[in-house]
Amino acid sequence: MDKKYHIWTEGCQMNVADSLRVASALEHLGYCPTQSAQEASVIVLNTCVVRQSAEDKAYGRLHSLRPLKKQRPGLVVNLMGCLVA
């Protein structure tokens, strides 16, 4: 599989800035961005929990990746930001 990453960002300007820094670091490691989580070998969820709806979205997004992780055990899923799971 190609070295591709997908970043999902929810929240404030700090989360957006952090996601840009992560993207830059991944690109320095030879990864290319993709809009599709299904194509990625690394998925980063940058979360926010300031509002309940944002927390619900983060848990929903994480839950939606479970089948993909089971199908591809080598997939890296990184949870960062304000959500403590």
C-alpha atoms as a PDB file:
ATOM      1  CA  MET A   1       0.000   0.000   0.000  1.00  0.00           C
ATOM      2  CA  ASP A   2       1.162   3.527  -0.781  1.00  0.00           C
ATOM      3  CA  LYS A   3       2.212   5.757   2.079  1.00  0.00           C
ATOM      4  CA  LYS A   4      -0.862   7.970   2.355  1.00  0.00           C
ATOM      5  CA  TYR A   5      -2.357   9.838   5.269  1.00  0.00           C
ATOM      6  CA  HIS A   6      -5.778  11.241   6.040  1.00  0.00           C
ATOM      7  CA  ILE A   7      -6.367  13.897   8.701  1.00  0.00           C
ATOM      8  CA  TRP A   8      -9.809  14.707  10.105  1.00  0.00           C
ATOM      9  CA  THR A   9      -9.866  17.921  12.131  1.00  0.00           C
ATOM     10  CA  GLU A  10     -12.673  19.094  14.383  1.00  0.00           C
ATOM     11  CA  GLY A  11     -12.486  22.204  16.507  1.00  0.00           C
ATOM     12  CA  CYS A  12     -10.614  25.415  16.960  1.00  0.00           C
ATOM     13  CA  GLN A  13      -7.873  27.215  15.075  1.00  0.00           C
ATOM     14  CA  MET A  14      -5.288  25.503  17.280  1.00  0.00           C
ATOM     15  CA  ASN A  15      -6.493  22.110  16.059  1.00  0.00           C
ATOM     16  CA  VAL A  16      -6.245  23.275  12.459  1.00  0.00           C
ATOM     17  CA  ALA A  17      -2.685  24.509  13.077  1.00  0.00           C
ATOM     18  CA  ASP A  18      -1.767  21.236  14.811  1.00  0.00           C
ATOM     19  CA  SER A  19      -3.161  19.236  11.887  1.00  0.00           C
ATOM     20  CA  LEU A  20      -1.047  21.261   9.464  1.00  0.00           C
ATOM     21  CA  ARG A  21       2.056  20.516  11.528  1.00  0.00           C
ATOM     22  CA  VAL A  22       1.234  16.788  11.584  1.00  0.00           C
ATOM     23  CA  ALA A  23       0.649  16.838   7.820  1.00  0.00           C
ATOM     24  CA  SER A  24       4.013  18.496   7.273  1.00  0.00           C
ATOM     25  CA  ALA A  25       5.782  15.926   9.463  1.00  0.00           C
ATOM     26  CA  LEU A  26       4.104  13.037   7.644  1.00  0.00           C
ATOM     27  CA  GLU A  27       5.050  14.495   4.263  1.00  0.00           C
ATOM     28  CA  HIS A  28       8.683  14.759   5.424  1.00  0.00           C
ATOM     29  CA  LEU A  29       8.435  11.014   6.136  1.00  0.00           C
ATOM     30  CA  GLY A  30       7.306  10.371   2.552  1.00  0.00           C
ATOM     31  CA  TYR A  31       3.535  10.222   3.046  1.00  0.00           C
ATOM     32  CA  CYS A  32       1.079  11.835   0.632  1.00  0.00           C
ATOM     33  CA  PRO A  33      -2.308  13.249   1.624  1.00  0.00           C
ATOM     34  CA  THR A  34      -5.575  11.604   0.609  1.00  0.00           C
ATOM     35  CA  GLN A  35      -9.162  12.746   1.051  1.00  0.00           C
ATOM     36  CA  SER A  36     -10.256   9.156   1.639  1.00  0.00           C
ATOM     37  CA  ALA A  37      -9.668   7.397   4.949  1.00  0.00           C
ATOM     38  CA  GLN A  38     -10.063   4.090   3.079  1.00  0.00           C
ATOM     39  CA  GLU A  39      -6.953   4.834   0.987  1.00  0.00           C
ATOM     40  CA  ALA A  40      -4.791   5.918   3.933  1.00  0.00           C
ATOM     41  CA  SER A  41      -2.201   3.900   5.801  1.00  0.00           C
ATOM     42  CA  VAL A  42      -2.218   6.533   8.583  1.00  0.00           C
ATOM     43  CA  ILE A  43      -5.395   8.221   9.829  1.00  0.00           C
ATOM     44  CA  VAL A  44      -5.225  11.119  12.273  1.00  0.00           C
ATOM     45  CA  LEU A  45      -8.323  12.277  14.137  1.00  0.00           C
ATOM     46  CA  ASN A  46      -7.684  15.690  15.658  1.00  0.00           C
ATOM     47  CA  THR A  47     -10.571  16.154  18.069  1.00  0.00           C
ATOM     48  CA  CYS A  48     -12.388  18.791  20.055  1.00  0.00           C
ATOM     49  CA  VAL A  49     -14.739  18.282  22.979  1.00  0.00           C
ATOM     50  CA  VAL A  50     -15.673  21.836  23.863  1.00  0.00           C
ATOM     51  CA  ARG A  51     -19.254  21.086  22.794  1.00  0.00           C
ATOM     52  CA  GLN A  52     -21.111  17.812  23.166  1.00  0.00           C
ATOM     53  CA  SER A  53     -21.855  17.687  19.431  1.00  0.00           C
ATOM     54  CA  ALA A  54     -18.120  17.836  18.651  1.00  0.00           C
ATOM     55  CA  GLU A  55     -17.435  15.028  21.130  1.00  0.00           C
ATOM     56  CA  ASP A  56     -20.236  12.958  19.575  1.00  0.00           C
ATOM     57  CA  LYS A  57     -18.758  13.523  16.101  1.00  0.00           C
ATOM     58  CA  ALA A  58     -15.330  12.402  17.287  1.00  0.00           C
ATOM     59  CA  TYR A  59     -16.667   9.193  18.844  1.00  0.00           C
ATOM     60  CA  GLY A  60     -18.775   8.548  15.750  1.00  0.00           C
ATOM     61  CA  ARG A  61     -15.796   9.021  13.470  1.00  0.00           C
ATOM     62  CA  LEU A  62     -13.621   6.760  15.609  1.00  0.00           C
ATOM     63  CA  HIS A  63     -16.352   4.101  15.683  1.00  0.00           C
ATOM     64  CA  SER A  64     -16.762   4.289  11.892  1.00  0.00           C
ATOM     65  CA  LEU A  65     -13.081   3.351  11.477  1.00  0.00           C
ATOM     66  CA  ARG A  66     -13.364   0.085  13.436  1.00  0.00           C
ATOM     67  CA  PRO A  67     -14.283  -2.091  10.424  1.00  0.00           C
ATOM     68  CA  LEU A  68     -11.418  -0.589   8.413  1.00  0.00           C
ATOM     69  CA  LYS A  69      -8.955  -1.287  11.238  1.00  0.00           C
ATOM     70  CA  LYS A  70     -10.216  -4.887  11.528  1.00  0.00           C
ATOM     71  CA  GLN A  71      -9.852  -5.334   7.776  1.00  0.00           C
ATOM     72  CA  ARG A  72      -6.364  -3.796   7.768  1.00  0.00           C
ATOM     73  CA  PRO A  73      -4.608  -4.468  11.105  1.00  0.00           C
ATOM     74  CA  GLY A  74      -1.517  -2.517   9.994  1.00  0.00           C
ATOM     75  CA  LEU A  75      -3.550   0.679   9.653  1.00  0.00           C
ATOM     76  CA  VAL A  76      -2.389   3.363  12.076  1.00  0.00           C
ATOM     77  CA  VAL A  77      -5.203   5.348  13.702  1.00  0.00           C
ATOM     78  CA  ASN A  78      -4.015   8.289  15.783  1.00  0.00           C
ATOM     79  CA  LEU A  79      -6.361  10.143  18.123  1.00  0.00           C
ATOM     80  CA  MET A  80      -5.151  13.569  19.227  1.00  0.00           C
ATOM     81  CA  GLY A  81      -6.557  16.834  20.480  1.00  0.00           C
ATOM     82  CA  CYS A  82      -8.931  17.487  23.359  1.00  0.00           C
ATOM     83  CA  LEU A  83     -10.713  14.131  23.446  1.00  0.00           C
ATOM     84  CA  VAL A  84      -9.402  11.787  26.090  1.00  0.00           C
ATOM     85  CA  ALA A  85     -10.517   8.258  25.269  1.00  0.00           C
END
